[in-house]
Amino acid sequence: MPGITSVLFIISIVMLFGGGNYFLAAQRAGVYPPRRVLQQRAITVGGAGGVIFLLAILVTWVV
């Protein structure tokens, strides 16, 4: 189980950083794809990272 929780934490951290990267890209001027698309990607990737992070905490707490 420690291997599974470690992998879940790593995946969640990578996805949260990816969501932050999309968010910062949406704040820059003159970016492609359009700002709305980048904001949607930031919400999707960041939200998935948050859910996986909560799942990793749940798995750690149960085991």
Protein backbone atom coordinates (compact mmCIF):
# COMPACT_ATOMS: atom_id res chain seq x y z
CA MET A 1 0.00 0.00 0.00
CA PRO A 2 2.80 2.53 0.55
CA GLY A 3 3.66 2.26 -3.14
CA ILE A 4 0.10 2.98 -4.20
CA THR A 5 -0.22 6.02 -1.94
CA SER A 6 3.15 7.35 -3.11
CA VAL A 7 2.08 7.05 -6.75
CA LEU A 8 -1.25 8.76 -6.00
CA PHE A 9 0.50 11.63 -4.21
CA ILE A 10 2.99 12.06 -7.06
CA ILE A 11 0.22 12.06 -9.68
CA SER A 12 -1.81 14.57 -7.68
CA ILE A 13 1.15 16.91 -7.23
CA VAL A 14 1.98 16.78 -10.95
CA MET A 15 -1.65 17.50 -11.86
CA LEU A 16 -1.89 20.40 -9.39
CA PHE A 17 1.29 21.91 -10.84
CA GLY A 18 -0.14 21.40 -14.34
CA GLY A 19 -3.33 23.21 -13.36
CA GLY A 20 -1.24 26.06 -11.95
CA ASN A 21 0.75 26.19 -15.17
CA TYR A 22 -2.42 26.48 -17.26
CA PHE A 23 -3.71 29.16 -14.88
CA LEU A 24 -0.52 31.19 -15.20
CA ALA A 25 -0.56 30.77 -18.98
CA ALA A 26 -4.10 32.15 -19.06
CA GLN A 27 -2.90 35.29 -17.27
CA ARG A 28 -0.28 36.13 -19.90
CA ALA A 29 -1.11 38.38 -22.81
CA GLY A 30 -1.29 37.07 -26.37
CA VAL A 31 -1.50 33.37 -25.67
CA TYR A 32 -2.85 30.60 -27.82
CA PRO A 33 -5.17 28.68 -27.21
CA PRO A 34 -7.71 31.27 -26.07
CA ARG A 35 -7.87 32.31 -22.44
CA ARG A 36 -11.19 30.55 -21.80
CA VAL A 37 -9.79 27.22 -23.01
CA LEU A 38 -6.75 27.58 -20.74
CA GLN A 39 -8.98 28.42 -17.78
CA GLN A 40 -11.13 25.35 -18.41
CA ARG A 41 -8.02 23.17 -18.62
CA ALA A 42 -6.72 24.67 -15.37
CA ILE A 43 -9.99 23.89 -13.59
CA THR A 44 -10.17 20.37 -15.01
CA VAL A 45 -6.57 19.37 -14.34
CA GLY A 46 -6.43 21.10 -10.96
CA GLY A 47 -9.75 19.61 -9.88
CA ALA A 48 -8.66 16.13 -10.89
CA GLY A 49 -5.41 16.63 -8.98
CA GLY A 50 -7.38 17.70 -5.91
CA VAL A 51 -9.65 14.67 -6.11
CA ILE A 52 -6.68 12.32 -6.48
CA PHE A 53 -4.99 14.06 -3.55
CA LEU A 54 -8.07 13.49 -1.38
CA LEU A 55 -8.16 9.87 -2.54
CA ALA A 56 -4.49 9.45 -1.57
CA ILE A 57 -5.19 10.90 1.87
CA LEU A 58 -8.17 8.57 2.25
CA VAL A 59 -6.11 5.54 1.26
CA THR A 60 -3.35 6.59 3.68
CA TRP A 61 -5.82 7.11 6.50
CA VAL A 62 -7.70 3.82 5.98
CA VAL A 63 -4.58 1.66 5.76
